[in-house]
C-alpha atoms as a PDB file:
ATOM      1  CA  UNK A   1     -13.411   6.506 -16.667  1.00  0.00           C
ATOM      2  CA  UNK A   2     -13.181   3.140 -14.967  1.00  0.00           C
ATOM      3  CA  UNK A   3     -15.434   0.198 -15.764  1.00  0.00           C
ATOM      4  CA  UNK A   4     -16.330  -2.197 -12.974  1.00  0.00           C
ATOM      5  CA  UNK A   5     -17.799  -5.678 -13.069  1.00  0.00           C
ATOM      6  CA  UNK A   6     -18.922  -7.361  -9.845  1.00  0.00           C
ATOM      7  CA  UNK A   7     -19.433 -11.047  -9.267  1.00  0.00           C
ATOM      8  CA  UNK A   8     -20.013 -13.468  -6.425  1.00  0.00           C
ATOM      9  CA  UNK A   9     -23.410 -12.540  -5.055  1.00  0.00           C
ATOM     10  CA  UNK A  10     -26.100 -15.073  -4.366  1.00  0.00           C
ATOM     11  CA  UNK A  11     -28.301 -16.772  -1.807  1.00  0.00           C
ATOM     12  CA  UNK A  12     -26.778 -17.923   1.448  1.00  0.00           C
ATOM     13  CA  UNK A  13     -28.084 -19.137   4.794  1.00  0.00           C
ATOM     14  CA  UNK A  14     -27.488 -17.168   8.007  1.00  0.00           C
ATOM     15  CA  UNK A  15     -24.003 -17.830   9.266  1.00  0.00           C
ATOM     16  CA  UNK A  16     -22.760 -18.611   5.769  1.00  0.00           C
ATOM     17  CA  UNK A  17     -20.071 -16.973   3.672  1.00  0.00           C
ATOM     18  CA  UNK A  18     -19.780 -15.289   0.308  1.00  0.00           C
ATOM     19  CA  UNK A  19     -16.924 -13.757  -1.610  1.00  0.00           C
ATOM     20  CA  UNK A  20     -17.570 -10.747  -3.819  1.00  0.00           C
ATOM     21  CA  UNK A  21     -15.122  -9.683  -6.494  1.00  0.00           C
ATOM     22  CA  UNK A  22     -14.884  -6.531  -8.553  1.00  0.00           C
ATOM     23  CA  UNK A  23     -12.754  -6.349 -11.674  1.00  0.00           C
ATOM     24  CA  UNK A  24     -11.692  -2.924 -12.872  1.00  0.00           C
ATOM     25  CA  UNK A  25     -10.666  -1.808 -16.342  1.00  0.00           C
ATOM     26  CA  UNK A  26     -10.017   1.511 -18.016  1.00  0.00           C
ATOM     27  CA  UNK A  27      -8.045   4.366 -16.461  1.00  0.00           C
ATOM     28  CA  UNK A  28      -6.635   2.275 -13.637  1.00  0.00           C
ATOM     29  CA  UNK A  29      -3.633   4.486 -12.950  1.00  0.00           C
ATOM     30  CA  UNK A  30      -5.953   7.200 -11.662  1.00  0.00           C
ATOM     31  CA  UNK A  31      -7.606   5.049  -8.963  1.00  0.00           C
ATOM     32  CA  UNK A  32      -6.682   5.750  -5.357  1.00  0.00           C
ATOM     33  CA  UNK A  33      -9.599   4.231  -3.452  1.00  0.00           C
ATOM     34  CA  UNK A  34     -11.756   1.155  -3.993  1.00  0.00           C
ATOM     35  CA  UNK A  35     -14.747   0.248  -1.880  1.00  0.00           C
ATOM     36  CA  UNK A  36     -17.860  -1.830  -1.457  1.00  0.00           C
ATOM     37  CA  UNK A  37     -21.187  -0.225  -0.662  1.00  0.00           C
ATOM     38  CA  UNK A  38     -24.564  -1.806  -0.186  1.00  0.00           C
ATOM     39  CA  UNK A  39     -28.179  -0.792  -0.467  1.00  0.00           C
ATOM     40  CA  UNK A  40     -30.975  -2.720   1.155  1.00  0.00           C
ATOM     41  CA  UNK A  41     -34.578  -2.471  -0.006  1.00  0.00           C
ATOM     42  CA  UNK A  42     -35.933   0.934   0.967  1.00  0.00           C
ATOM     43  CA  UNK A  43     -32.639   1.962   2.530  1.00  0.00           C
ATOM     44  CA  UNK A  44     -29.890   4.400   1.663  1.00  0.00           C
ATOM     45  CA  UNK A  45     -26.684   3.176   0.097  1.00  0.00           C
ATOM     46  CA  UNK A  46     -23.970   2.791   2.742  1.00  0.00           C
ATOM     47  CA  UNK A  47     -20.259   2.084   2.857  1.00  0.00           C
ATOM     48  CA  UNK A  48     -19.329  -1.470   3.801  1.00  0.00           C
ATOM     49  CA  UNK A  49     -15.546  -1.370   3.415  1.00  0.00           C
ATOM     50  CA  UNK A  50     -12.927   0.526   1.476  1.00  0.00           C
ATOM     51  CA  UNK A  51      -9.215   0.337   0.776  1.00  0.00           C
ATOM     52  CA  UNK A  52      -6.876   3.045  -0.430  1.00  0.00           C
ATOM     53  CA  UNK A  53      -3.903   2.721  -2.721  1.00  0.00           C
ATOM     54  CA  UNK A  54      -1.583   3.000   0.289  1.00  0.00           C
ATOM     55  CA  UNK A  55      -3.396   0.176   2.055  1.00  0.00           C
ATOM     56  CA  UNK A  56      -5.539   2.124   4.505  1.00  0.00           C
ATOM     57  CA  UNK A  57      -8.719   0.154   5.208  1.00  0.00           C
ATOM     58  CA  UNK A  58     -12.090   1.394   6.400  1.00  0.00           C
ATOM     59  CA  UNK A  59     -14.890  -0.802   7.708  1.00  0.00           C
ATOM     60  CA  UNK A  60     -18.422   0.079   8.670  1.00  0.00           C
ATOM     61  CA  UNK A  61     -19.244  -0.603  12.296  1.00  0.00           C
ATOM     62  CA  UNK A  62     -21.808  -3.238  11.345  1.00  0.00           C
ATOM     63  CA  UNK A  63     -19.086  -5.377   9.763  1.00  0.00           C
ATOM     64  CA  UNK A  64     -17.948  -6.327  13.293  1.00  0.00           C
ATOM     65  CA  UNK A  65     -14.913  -8.223  12.043  1.00  0.00           C
ATOM     66  CA  UNK A  66     -17.008 -10.460   9.788  1.00  0.00           C
ATOM     67  CA  UNK A  67     -15.876  -9.015   6.449  1.00  0.00           C
ATOM     68  CA  UNK A  68     -12.430  -8.580   4.946  1.00  0.00           C
ATOM     69  CA  UNK A  69     -11.593  -6.326   2.030  1.00  0.00           C
ATOM     70  CA  UNK A  70      -8.508  -6.885  -0.079  1.00  0.00           C
ATOM     71  CA  UNK A  71      -7.047  -5.465  -3.234  1.00  0.00           C
ATOM     72  CA  UNK A  72      -4.906  -7.054  -5.891  1.00  0.00           C
ATOM     73  CA  UNK A  73      -3.299  -4.291  -7.879  1.00  0.00           C
ATOM     74  CA  UNK A  74      -1.809  -6.673 -10.400  1.00  0.00           C
ATOM     75  CA  UNK A  75      -5.158  -8.251 -11.168  1.00  0.00           C
ATOM     76  CA  UNK A  76      -6.956  -4.963 -10.748  1.00  0.00           C
ATOM     77  CA  UNK A  77      -9.539  -6.453  -8.466  1.00  0.00           C
ATOM     78  CA  UNK A  78     -11.004  -5.714  -5.082  1.00  0.00           C
ATOM     79  CA  UNK A  79     -12.529  -8.523  -3.073  1.00  0.00           C
ATOM     80  CA  UNK A  80     -14.913  -8.599  -0.150  1.00  0.00           C
ATOM     81  CA  UNK A  81     -14.851 -11.803   1.858  1.00  0.00           C
ATOM     82  CA  UNK A  82     -17.998 -11.995   3.958  1.00  0.00           C
ATOM     83  CA  UNK A  83     -18.580 -14.519   6.714  1.00  0.00           C
ATOM     84  CA  UNK A  84     -21.107 -15.064   9.474  1.00  0.00           C
ATOM     85  CA  UNK A  85     -23.727 -13.417   7.293  1.00  0.00           C
ATOM     86  CA  UNK A  86     -26.911 -12.134   8.891  1.00  0.00           C
ATOM     87  CA  UNK A  87     -30.392 -11.442   7.554  1.00  0.00           C
ATOM     88  CA  UNK A  88     -29.588  -7.733   7.791  1.00  0.00           C
ATOM     89  CA  UNK A  89     -26.760  -8.166   5.268  1.00  0.00           C
ATOM     90  CA  UNK A  90     -29.287  -8.759   2.502  1.00  0.00           C
ATOM     91  CA  UNK A  91     -28.727  -6.005  -0.052  1.00  0.00           C
ATOM     92  CA  UNK A  92     -27.412  -5.111  -3.453  1.00  0.00           C
ATOM     93  CA  UNK A  93     -23.650  -4.706  -3.139  1.00  0.00           C
ATOM     94  CA  UNK A  94     -21.887  -2.164  -5.329  1.00  0.00           C
ATOM     95  CA  UNK A  95     -18.247  -1.745  -6.145  1.00  0.00           C
ATOM     96  CA  UNK A  96     -16.996   1.836  -6.176  1.00  0.00           C
ATOM     97  CA  UNK A  97     -13.731   3.421  -7.231  1.00  0.00           C
ATOM     98  CA  UNK A  98     -12.573   6.954  -6.608  1.00  0.00           C
ATOM     99  CA  UNK A  99     -10.012   8.418  -8.939  1.00  0.00           C
ATOM    100  CA  UNK A 100      -7.815  11.477  -8.602  1.00  0.00           C
ATOM    101  CA  UNK A 101      -9.892  14.545  -9.228  1.00  0.00           C
ATOM    102  CA  UNK A 102     -12.793  13.122  -7.278  1.00  0.00           C
ATOM    103  CA  UNK A 103     -14.185  11.031 -10.113  1.00  0.00           C
ATOM    104  CA  UNK A 104     -16.422   8.261  -8.826  1.00  0.00           C
ATOM    105  CA  UNK A 105     -17.415   5.175 -10.790  1.00  0.00           C
ATOM    106  CA  UNK A 106     -19.836   2.430  -9.778  1.00  0.00           C
ATOM    107  CA  UNK A 107     -20.418  -1.136 -10.799  1.00  0.00           C
ATOM    108  CA  UNK A 108     -23.834  -2.459 -11.707  1.00  0.00           C
ATOM    109  CA  UNK A 109     -24.273  -4.236  -8.386  1.00  0.00           C
ATOM    110  CA  UNK A 110     -24.601  -7.820  -7.265  1.00  0.00           C
ATOM    111  CA  UNK A 111     -27.393  -9.126  -5.043  1.00  0.00           C
ATOM    112  CA  UNK A 112     -26.666 -10.821  -1.726  1.00  0.00           C
ATOM    113  CA  UNK A 113     -29.617 -12.516  -0.073  1.00  0.00           C
ATOM    114  CA  UNK A 114     -29.348 -14.075   3.373  1.00  0.00           C
ATOM    115  CA  UNK A 115     -32.275 -16.384   3.999  1.00  0.00           C
ATOM    116  CA  UNK A 116     -33.036 -19.659   5.679  1.00  0.00           C
END
């Protein structure tokens, strides 16, 4: 099992930036994919961005080049740099890891609120 702790959420104005971080601990050698998902109020949870152990990166279409995901294997963290934030980006953001064998672990979530 992998334990995940997210940080970096908060309140930001439209057009602003936030940086989310997720620190992993536990069975790190089994991780092959790390990602950020989000869930808005009354909405389904959706993938925002993900990165595999070999560096392949996936972005949701709504990211539109505004977000950047990165992974620091030494520090065992995955970071989501978000810029040009929009009202529609308001959501709880969750860190996810997928380990060999299809084991999925989630963080507790961090709230991002975009408001003027």
